[in-house]
C-alpha cells in the first residue's frame, strides 16, 4: 500500500508540473475558433424571430454551441492525448448537429442567404480546425500510444 501512495504522489507531481508548463486552452486555435463561433451562434439566435413552435430549435442550437466548447475544454483538462481526441470527436458531433439546424433554419426562411453563408462559413472553419487538430493528435498517438497531453508538440498549432 505504501508503494501505491508513492506512485500516486509521483503522478500528482507529474500532473502539477505538466499543468504548469502546458499551454492555456485559450491559446489553441481550435478553441479560439470554437469559442468565437459559439458567441456568434448565441448572437444569431437572439436576432432570429422564429415562430413559437420553432423556439426549441434555437434552444438546441445554443446548447450545441455550448456543448461543443464544453467537450473541447473537458478533453483539454484530461491527462492523455487519447482523451483530448475524444473531446474533439465529441465537439465535431456537435458541429454536425449545428450544421443540420442551420440548414433547417435557412430552408425554412429564418436565415437570409447571406447570413447563412456567413455562419456556415465560420462553422466550416471550426470544423476544419478541429479536424486538423484531431489528425495531429492521431499522428502523435501512433508514435506514442500512451502519450500524455503534455508531450504533444503544441508549437504546431
N, C-alpha and C. Protein backbone atom coordinates (compact mmCIF):
# COMPACT_ATOMS: atom_id res chain seq x y z
N UNK A 1 0.81 -1.19 0.00
CA UNK A 1 0.00 0.00 0.00
C UNK A 1 0.86 1.26 0.00
N UNK A 2 2.02 1.19 0.66
CA UNK A 2 2.90 2.34 0.71
C UNK A 2 3.42 2.66 -0.70
N UNK A 3 3.79 1.64 -1.46
CA UNK A 3 4.24 1.85 -2.83
C UNK A 3 3.19 2.52 -3.68
N UNK A 4 1.94 2.17 -3.44
CA UNK A 4 0.84 2.77 -4.17
C UNK A 4 0.74 4.25 -3.86
N UNK A 5 0.92 4.61 -2.59
CA UNK A 5 0.87 6.01 -2.20
C UNK A 5 1.96 6.82 -2.91
N UNK A 6 3.17 6.26 -2.96
CA UNK A 6 4.25 6.96 -3.64
C UNK A 6 3.99 7.09 -5.13
N UNK A 7 3.39 6.06 -5.72
CA UNK A 7 3.06 6.14 -7.15
C UNK A 7 2.06 7.26 -7.39
N UNK A 8 1.03 7.35 -6.53
CA UNK A 8 0.04 8.42 -6.69
C UNK A 8 0.66 9.79 -6.48
N UNK A 9 1.53 9.91 -5.48
CA UNK A 9 2.20 11.19 -5.23
C UNK A 9 3.07 11.57 -6.42
N UNK A 10 3.75 10.58 -6.99
CA UNK A 10 4.58 10.83 -8.17
C UNK A 10 3.73 11.28 -9.34
N UNK A 11 2.61 10.63 -9.57
CA UNK A 11 1.71 11.01 -10.65
C UNK A 11 1.16 12.41 -10.43
N UNK A 12 0.81 12.73 -9.18
CA UNK A 12 0.29 14.06 -8.88
C UNK A 12 1.34 15.12 -9.15
N UNK A 13 2.59 14.83 -8.78
CA UNK A 13 3.68 15.78 -9.02
C UNK A 13 3.88 15.97 -10.53
N UNK A 14 3.84 14.85 -11.27
CA UNK A 14 3.99 14.93 -12.73
C UNK A 14 2.87 15.76 -13.33
N UNK A 15 1.63 15.56 -12.85
CA UNK A 15 0.49 16.31 -13.37
C UNK A 15 0.65 17.80 -13.04
N UNK A 16 1.10 18.12 -11.83
CA UNK A 16 1.28 19.53 -11.45
C UNK A 16 2.33 20.18 -12.35
N UNK A 17 3.43 19.47 -12.60
CA UNK A 17 4.47 20.01 -13.47
C UNK A 17 3.95 20.17 -14.89
N UNK A 18 3.16 19.19 -15.35
CA UNK A 18 2.61 19.24 -16.69
C UNK A 18 1.67 20.42 -16.85
N UNK A 19 0.77 20.58 -15.89
CA UNK A 19 -0.20 21.66 -15.99
C UNK A 19 0.47 23.03 -15.94
N UNK A 20 1.52 23.16 -15.16
CA UNK A 20 2.17 24.46 -15.08
C UNK A 20 2.91 24.81 -16.38
N UNK A 21 3.36 23.80 -17.12
CA UNK A 21 4.09 24.06 -18.36
C UNK A 21 3.24 23.98 -19.60
N UNK A 22 2.01 23.55 -19.46
CA UNK A 22 1.13 23.37 -20.61
C UNK A 22 0.52 24.68 -21.04
N UNK A 23 0.27 24.77 -22.30
CA UNK A 23 -0.36 25.97 -22.83
C UNK A 23 -1.79 26.09 -22.32
N UNK A 24 -2.23 27.31 -22.22
CA UNK A 24 -3.59 27.61 -21.83
C UNK A 24 -4.49 27.27 -23.02
N UNK A 25 -5.66 26.73 -22.75
CA UNK A 25 -6.57 26.36 -23.84
C UNK A 25 -6.92 27.56 -24.71
N UNK A 26 -6.91 28.76 -24.12
CA UNK A 26 -7.23 29.97 -24.89
C UNK A 26 -6.22 30.24 -25.99
N UNK A 27 -5.05 29.61 -25.93
CA UNK A 27 -4.01 29.81 -26.94
C UNK A 27 -4.14 28.86 -28.13
N UNK A 28 -5.02 27.88 -28.04
CA UNK A 28 -5.18 26.89 -29.10
C UNK A 28 -6.16 27.42 -30.15
N UNK A 29 -5.75 27.44 -31.41
CA UNK A 29 -6.59 27.97 -32.48
C UNK A 29 -7.96 27.31 -32.52
N UNK A 30 -8.02 26.00 -32.37
CA UNK A 30 -9.31 25.30 -32.43
C UNK A 30 -10.25 25.81 -31.34
N UNK A 31 -9.71 26.03 -30.15
CA UNK A 31 -10.54 26.55 -29.05
C UNK A 31 -11.01 27.97 -29.36
N UNK A 32 -10.10 28.82 -29.84
CA UNK A 32 -10.47 30.20 -30.16
C UNK A 32 -11.59 30.24 -31.19
N UNK A 33 -11.45 29.44 -32.23
CA UNK A 33 -12.48 29.44 -33.28
C UNK A 33 -13.80 28.90 -32.75
N UNK A 34 -13.75 27.85 -31.93
CA UNK A 34 -14.98 27.29 -31.35
C UNK A 34 -15.64 28.29 -30.41
N UNK A 35 -14.84 28.96 -29.60
CA UNK A 35 -15.37 29.95 -28.66
C UNK A 35 -16.00 31.13 -29.41
N UNK A 36 -15.31 31.64 -30.42
CA UNK A 36 -15.85 32.74 -31.22
C UNK A 36 -17.13 32.33 -31.93
N UNK A 37 -17.13 31.09 -32.46
CA UNK A 37 -18.32 30.63 -33.16
C UNK A 37 -19.50 30.49 -32.20
N UNK A 38 -19.24 29.97 -31.03
CA UNK A 38 -20.30 29.81 -30.03
C UNK A 38 -20.92 31.16 -29.69
N UNK A 39 -20.09 32.18 -29.56
CA UNK A 39 -20.58 33.54 -29.30
C UNK A 39 -21.41 34.06 -30.48
N UNK A 40 -20.91 33.83 -31.69
CA UNK A 40 -21.64 34.23 -32.90
C UNK A 40 -22.99 33.52 -32.98
N UNK A 41 -23.00 32.25 -32.64
CA UNK A 41 -24.23 31.46 -32.69
C UNK A 41 -25.26 32.00 -31.69
N UNK A 42 -24.82 32.34 -30.49
CA UNK A 42 -25.74 32.91 -29.49
C UNK A 42 -26.31 34.23 -30.00
N UNK A 43 -25.46 35.07 -30.60
CA UNK A 43 -25.93 36.35 -31.13
C UNK A 43 -26.94 36.13 -32.25
N UNK A 44 -26.65 35.18 -33.15
CA UNK A 44 -27.55 34.89 -34.25
C UNK A 44 -28.91 34.42 -33.72
N UNK A 45 -28.88 33.54 -32.72
CA UNK A 45 -30.13 33.03 -32.16
C UNK A 45 -30.95 34.13 -31.51
N UNK A 46 -30.28 35.07 -30.85
CA UNK A 46 -31.02 36.16 -30.21
C UNK A 46 -31.62 37.12 -31.25
N UNK A 47 -31.02 37.18 -32.45
CA UNK A 47 -31.53 38.05 -33.52
C UNK A 47 -32.72 37.44 -34.25
N UNK A 48 -32.80 36.12 -34.25
CA UNK A 48 -33.84 35.45 -35.03
C UNK A 48 -35.21 35.59 -34.38
N UNK A 49 -36.18 35.76 -35.22
CA UNK A 49 -37.57 35.80 -34.76
C UNK A 49 -38.27 34.60 -35.38
N UNK A 50 -38.34 33.55 -34.59
CA UNK A 50 -38.96 32.32 -35.08
C UNK A 50 -40.35 32.19 -34.47
N UNK A 51 -41.16 31.39 -35.12
CA UNK A 51 -42.48 31.14 -34.57
C UNK A 51 -42.34 30.36 -33.27
N UNK A 52 -43.35 30.44 -32.46
CA UNK A 52 -43.31 29.80 -31.14
C UNK A 52 -43.01 28.30 -31.24
N UNK A 53 -43.49 27.67 -32.29
CA UNK A 53 -43.27 26.22 -32.42
C UNK A 53 -41.86 25.88 -32.89
N UNK A 54 -41.02 26.90 -33.15
CA UNK A 54 -39.62 26.66 -33.56
C UNK A 54 -38.61 27.13 -32.50
N UNK A 55 -39.11 27.64 -31.37
CA UNK A 55 -38.20 28.12 -30.33
C UNK A 55 -37.30 27.01 -29.80
N UNK A 56 -37.77 25.79 -29.81
CA UNK A 56 -36.96 24.66 -29.36
C UNK A 56 -35.68 24.54 -30.19
N UNK A 57 -35.77 24.92 -31.46
CA UNK A 57 -34.62 24.82 -32.34
C UNK A 57 -33.51 25.80 -31.92
N UNK A 58 -33.90 26.99 -31.53
CA UNK A 58 -32.92 27.96 -31.05
C UNK A 58 -32.28 27.47 -29.76
N UNK A 59 -33.07 26.86 -28.92
CA UNK A 59 -32.54 26.29 -27.68
C UNK A 59 -31.50 25.21 -28.01
N UNK A 60 -31.84 24.33 -28.94
CA UNK A 60 -30.91 23.26 -29.32
C UNK A 60 -29.63 23.82 -29.95
N UNK A 61 -29.77 24.85 -30.77
CA UNK A 61 -28.59 25.48 -31.37
C UNK A 61 -27.66 26.06 -30.30
N UNK A 62 -28.23 26.78 -29.36
CA UNK A 62 -27.42 27.34 -28.29
C UNK A 62 -26.77 26.25 -27.45
N UNK A 63 -27.52 25.20 -27.16
CA UNK A 63 -26.98 24.08 -26.39
C UNK A 63 -25.84 23.41 -27.14
N UNK A 64 -26.02 23.17 -28.42
CA UNK A 64 -24.98 22.51 -29.21
C UNK A 64 -23.72 23.36 -29.26
N UNK A 65 -23.86 24.67 -29.39
CA UNK A 65 -22.70 25.55 -29.38
C UNK A 65 -21.96 25.51 -28.06
N UNK A 66 -22.72 25.51 -26.97
CA UNK A 66 -22.12 25.44 -25.65
C UNK A 66 -21.46 24.09 -25.41
N UNK A 67 -22.14 23.03 -25.78
CA UNK A 67 -21.61 21.68 -25.57
C UNK A 67 -20.38 21.41 -26.43
N UNK A 68 -20.31 22.03 -27.60
CA UNK A 68 -19.12 21.90 -28.44
C UNK A 68 -17.91 22.46 -27.69
N UNK A 69 -18.07 23.64 -27.12
CA UNK A 69 -17.00 24.26 -26.34
C UNK A 69 -16.67 23.43 -25.10
N UNK A 70 -17.70 22.97 -24.40
CA UNK A 70 -17.50 22.17 -23.19
C UNK A 70 -16.73 20.89 -23.48
N UNK A 71 -17.04 20.24 -24.60
CA UNK A 71 -16.35 18.99 -24.96
C UNK A 71 -14.87 19.25 -25.18
N UNK A 72 -14.53 20.35 -25.84
CA UNK A 72 -13.12 20.69 -26.05
C UNK A 72 -12.42 20.97 -24.73
N UNK A 73 -13.09 21.71 -23.89
CA UNK A 73 -12.48 22.07 -22.61
C UNK A 73 -12.31 20.84 -21.72
N UNK A 74 -13.31 19.99 -21.67
CA UNK A 74 -13.20 18.78 -20.86
C UNK A 74 -12.08 17.87 -21.36
N UNK A 75 -11.97 17.73 -22.67
CA UNK A 75 -10.88 16.92 -23.22
C UNK A 75 -9.53 17.53 -22.91
N UNK A 76 -9.44 18.84 -22.97
CA UNK A 76 -8.20 19.54 -22.69
C UNK A 76 -7.74 19.31 -21.25
N UNK A 77 -8.70 19.20 -20.34
CA UNK A 77 -8.37 19.03 -18.92
C UNK A 77 -8.03 17.60 -18.54
N UNK A 78 -7.96 16.72 -19.49
CA UNK A 78 -7.57 15.33 -19.23
C UNK A 78 -6.06 15.17 -19.38
N UNK A 79 -5.57 14.03 -18.94
CA UNK A 79 -4.12 13.81 -18.93
C UNK A 79 -3.58 13.27 -20.25
N UNK A 80 -4.38 12.54 -20.98
CA UNK A 80 -3.87 11.80 -22.13
C UNK A 80 -4.36 12.37 -23.46
N UNK A 81 -3.51 12.23 -24.45
CA UNK A 81 -3.87 12.66 -25.81
C UNK A 81 -5.16 12.01 -26.28
N UNK A 82 -5.30 10.72 -26.00
CA UNK A 82 -6.50 9.99 -26.45
C UNK A 82 -7.77 10.61 -25.86
N UNK A 83 -7.69 11.09 -24.62
CA UNK A 83 -8.86 11.71 -24.00
C UNK A 83 -9.18 13.05 -24.65
N UNK A 84 -8.14 13.79 -25.01
CA UNK A 84 -8.38 15.05 -25.72
C UNK A 84 -8.97 14.77 -27.09
N UNK A 85 -8.48 13.73 -27.75
CA UNK A 85 -9.01 13.34 -29.05
C UNK A 85 -10.50 12.99 -28.94
N UNK A 86 -10.88 12.31 -27.87
CA UNK A 86 -12.30 12.01 -27.66
C UNK A 86 -13.12 13.30 -27.48
N UNK A 87 -12.56 14.27 -26.78
CA UNK A 87 -13.25 15.56 -26.62
C UNK A 87 -13.44 16.26 -27.96
N UNK A 88 -12.41 16.19 -28.80
CA UNK A 88 -12.51 16.80 -30.13
C UNK A 88 -13.56 16.08 -30.96
N UNK A 89 -13.59 14.76 -30.87
CA UNK A 89 -14.59 13.98 -31.61
C UNK A 89 -16.00 14.34 -31.16
N UNK A 90 -16.17 14.51 -29.87
CA UNK A 90 -17.48 14.90 -29.35
C UNK A 90 -17.84 16.30 -29.85
N UNK A 91 -16.88 17.21 -29.86
CA UNK A 91 -17.13 18.56 -30.36
C UNK A 91 -17.54 18.52 -31.83
N UNK A 92 -16.89 17.65 -32.61
CA UNK A 92 -17.24 17.53 -34.03
C UNK A 92 -18.66 16.99 -34.21
N UNK A 93 -19.11 16.17 -33.29
CA UNK A 93 -20.50 15.70 -33.34
C UNK A 93 -21.46 16.88 -33.19
N UNK A 94 -21.14 17.79 -32.27
CA UNK A 94 -21.98 18.97 -32.09
C UNK A 94 -21.90 19.90 -33.30
N UNK A 95 -20.75 19.95 -33.95
CA UNK A 95 -20.62 20.74 -35.19
C UNK A 95 -21.60 20.20 -36.24
N UNK A 96 -21.70 18.88 -36.35
CA UNK A 96 -22.63 18.28 -37.31
C UNK A 96 -24.08 18.63 -36.97
N UNK A 97 -24.42 18.62 -35.70
CA UNK A 97 -25.78 18.99 -35.30
C UNK A 97 -26.08 20.45 -35.61
N UNK A 98 -25.11 21.32 -35.30
CA UNK A 98 -25.29 22.74 -35.59
C UNK A 98 -25.51 22.95 -37.09
N UNK A 99 -24.72 22.27 -37.90
CA UNK A 99 -24.86 22.37 -39.34
C UNK A 99 -26.26 21.97 -39.78
N UNK A 100 -26.75 20.88 -39.25
CA UNK A 100 -28.10 20.41 -39.59
C UNK A 100 -29.15 21.46 -39.21
N UNK A 101 -29.04 22.02 -38.00
CA UNK A 101 -30.01 23.02 -37.55
C UNK A 101 -29.95 24.28 -38.42
N UNK A 102 -28.74 24.68 -38.81
CA UNK A 102 -28.61 25.87 -39.66
C UNK A 102 -29.23 25.66 -41.04
N UNK A 103 -29.02 24.49 -41.59
CA UNK A 103 -29.63 24.17 -42.89
C UNK A 103 -31.15 24.24 -42.78
N UNK A 104 -31.68 23.69 -41.71
CA UNK A 104 -33.12 23.71 -41.49
C UNK A 104 -33.63 25.16 -41.40
N UNK A 105 -32.94 25.99 -40.60
CA UNK A 105 -33.37 27.39 -40.46
C UNK A 105 -33.31 28.14 -41.79
N UNK A 106 -32.29 27.86 -42.58
CA UNK A 106 -32.16 28.52 -43.88
C UNK A 106 -33.30 28.09 -44.80
N UNK A 107 -33.57 26.80 -44.85
CA UNK A 107 -34.64 26.30 -45.73
C UNK A 107 -36.02 26.75 -45.28
N UNK A 108 -36.18 27.01 -44.00
CA UNK A 108 -37.46 27.49 -43.50
C UNK A 108 -37.61 29.01 -43.69
N UNK A 109 -36.53 29.66 -44.15
CA UNK A 109 -36.59 31.09 -44.41
C UNK A 109 -36.27 31.97 -43.21
N UNK A 110 -35.79 31.41 -42.13
CA UNK A 110 -35.45 32.21 -40.95
C UNK A 110 -34.10 32.90 -41.08
N UNK A 111 -33.22 32.35 -41.91
CA UNK A 111 -31.90 32.94 -42.14
C UNK A 111 -31.82 33.42 -43.58
N UNK A 112 -31.32 34.62 -43.77
CA UNK A 112 -31.08 35.08 -45.14
C UNK A 112 -29.92 34.28 -45.71
N UNK A 113 -29.83 34.24 -47.01
CA UNK A 113 -28.75 33.51 -47.67
C UNK A 113 -27.40 34.04 -47.22
N UNK A 114 -27.29 35.37 -47.15
CA UNK A 114 -26.01 35.98 -46.76
C UNK A 114 -25.62 35.61 -45.34
N UNK A 115 -26.58 35.70 -44.41
CA UNK A 115 -26.30 35.38 -43.00
C UNK A 115 -25.99 33.89 -42.86
N UNK A 116 -26.73 33.07 -43.57
CA UNK A 116 -26.49 31.62 -43.52
C UNK A 116 -25.09 31.29 -44.03
N UNK A 117 -24.69 31.93 -45.13
CA UNK A 117 -23.35 31.68 -45.68
C UNK A 117 -22.26 32.13 -44.71
N UNK A 118 -22.48 33.26 -44.05
CA UNK A 118 -21.50 33.74 -43.06
C UNK A 118 -21.37 32.74 -41.91
N UNK A 119 -22.50 32.34 -41.34
CA UNK A 119 -22.49 31.43 -40.18
C UNK A 119 -21.94 30.07 -40.60
N UNK A 120 -22.40 29.55 -41.72
CA UNK A 120 -21.93 28.24 -42.17
C UNK A 120 -20.45 28.26 -42.53
N UNK A 121 -19.97 29.38 -43.06
CA UNK A 121 -18.54 29.52 -43.35
C UNK A 121 -17.71 29.48 -42.09
N UNK A 122 -18.18 30.17 -41.07
CA UNK A 122 -17.46 30.16 -39.78
C UNK A 122 -17.51 28.78 -39.14
N UNK A 123 -18.65 28.10 -39.28
CA UNK A 123 -18.76 26.74 -38.75
C UNK A 123 -17.80 25.81 -39.48
N UNK A 124 -17.69 26.00 -40.79
CA UNK A 124 -16.76 25.19 -41.58
C UNK A 124 -15.32 25.41 -41.12
N UNK A 125 -14.98 26.65 -40.78
CA UNK A 125 -13.64 26.95 -40.25
C UNK A 125 -13.38 26.22 -38.94
N UNK A 126 -14.38 26.19 -38.07
CA UNK A 126 -14.26 25.47 -36.80
C UNK A 126 -14.05 23.98 -37.08
N UNK A 127 -14.87 23.44 -37.97
CA UNK A 127 -14.76 22.02 -38.30
C UNK A 127 -13.38 21.70 -38.88
N UNK A 128 -12.89 22.53 -39.78
CA UNK A 128 -11.56 22.31 -40.37
C UNK A 128 -10.47 22.34 -39.31
N UNK A 129 -10.56 23.29 -38.41
CA UNK A 129 -9.55 23.43 -37.35
C UNK A 129 -9.57 22.22 -36.42
N UNK A 130 -10.78 21.79 -36.04
CA UNK A 130 -10.90 20.62 -35.16
C UNK A 130 -10.42 19.34 -35.85
N UNK A 131 -10.77 19.21 -37.12
CA UNK A 131 -10.35 18.02 -37.88
C UNK A 131 -8.83 17.98 -38.02
N UNK A 132 -8.21 19.13 -38.28
CA UNK A 132 -6.75 19.18 -38.40
C UNK A 132 -6.09 18.85 -37.07
N UNK A 133 -6.61 19.39 -35.98
CA UNK A 133 -6.05 19.10 -34.67
C UNK A 133 -6.21 17.62 -34.32
N UNK A 134 -7.35 17.06 -34.64
CA UNK A 134 -7.57 15.63 -34.38
C UNK A 134 -6.58 14.80 -35.18
N UNK A 135 -6.30 15.19 -36.41
CA UNK A 135 -5.33 14.47 -37.23
C UNK A 135 -3.94 14.51 -36.62
N UNK A 136 -3.55 15.69 -36.11
CA UNK A 136 -2.24 15.80 -35.47
C UNK A 136 -2.17 14.96 -34.20
N UNK A 137 -3.25 14.94 -33.45
CA UNK A 137 -3.29 14.11 -32.24
C UNK A 137 -3.20 12.63 -32.57
N UNK A 138 -3.91 12.21 -33.62
CA UNK A 138 -3.84 10.79 -34.03
C UNK A 138 -2.42 10.41 -34.42
N UNK A 139 -1.74 11.28 -35.14
CA UNK A 139 -0.34 11.01 -35.52
C UNK A 139 0.54 10.88 -34.28
N UNK A 140 0.33 11.76 -33.34
CA UNK A 140 1.11 11.72 -32.09
C UNK A 140 0.81 10.43 -31.33
N UNK A 141 -0.45 10.00 -31.33
CA UNK A 141 -0.81 8.76 -30.65
C UNK A 141 -0.21 7.54 -31.33
N UNK A 142 -0.09 7.58 -32.64
CA UNK A 142 0.55 6.47 -33.35
C UNK A 142 2.01 6.34 -32.91
N UNK A 143 2.65 7.47 -32.70
CA UNK A 143 4.06 7.47 -32.28
C UNK A 143 4.21 7.09 -30.81
N UNK A 144 3.22 7.45 -29.99
CA UNK A 144 3.29 7.20 -28.55
C UNK A 144 1.88 6.91 -28.03
N UNK A 145 1.44 5.63 -28.12
CA UNK A 145 0.06 5.28 -27.74
C UNK A 145 -0.32 5.65 -26.31
N UNK A 146 0.65 5.72 -25.41
CA UNK A 146 0.36 6.09 -24.03
C UNK A 146 0.63 7.56 -23.79
N UNK A 147 0.69 8.33 -24.88
CA UNK A 147 1.11 9.74 -24.81
C UNK A 147 0.30 10.60 -23.88
N UNK A 148 1.02 11.40 -23.12
CA UNK A 148 0.40 12.40 -22.26
C UNK A 148 0.16 13.65 -23.10
N UNK A 149 -0.87 14.36 -22.75
CA UNK A 149 -1.20 15.59 -23.46
C UNK A 149 -0.05 16.58 -23.36
N UNK A 150 0.69 16.52 -22.27
CA UNK A 150 1.80 17.47 -22.08
C UNK A 150 2.93 17.24 -23.08
N UNK A 151 3.00 16.05 -23.67
CA UNK A 151 4.09 15.77 -24.61
C UNK A 151 3.75 16.17 -26.04
N UNK A 152 2.53 16.61 -26.28
CA UNK A 152 2.13 16.99 -27.63
C UNK A 152 2.88 18.25 -28.05
N UNK A 153 3.38 18.28 -29.26
CA UNK A 153 4.14 19.46 -29.73
C UNK A 153 3.23 20.63 -30.02
N UNK A 154 2.92 21.42 -29.02
CA UNK A 154 1.94 22.49 -29.16
C UNK A 154 2.39 23.62 -30.05
N UNK A 155 3.65 23.64 -30.41
CA UNK A 155 4.07 24.70 -31.33
C UNK A 155 3.42 24.52 -32.70
N UNK A 156 2.92 23.30 -32.96
CA UNK A 156 2.22 23.02 -34.22
C UNK A 156 0.75 23.31 -34.02
N UNK A 157 0.38 24.57 -33.96
CA UNK A 157 -0.99 24.94 -33.66
C UNK A 157 -1.77 24.96 -34.91
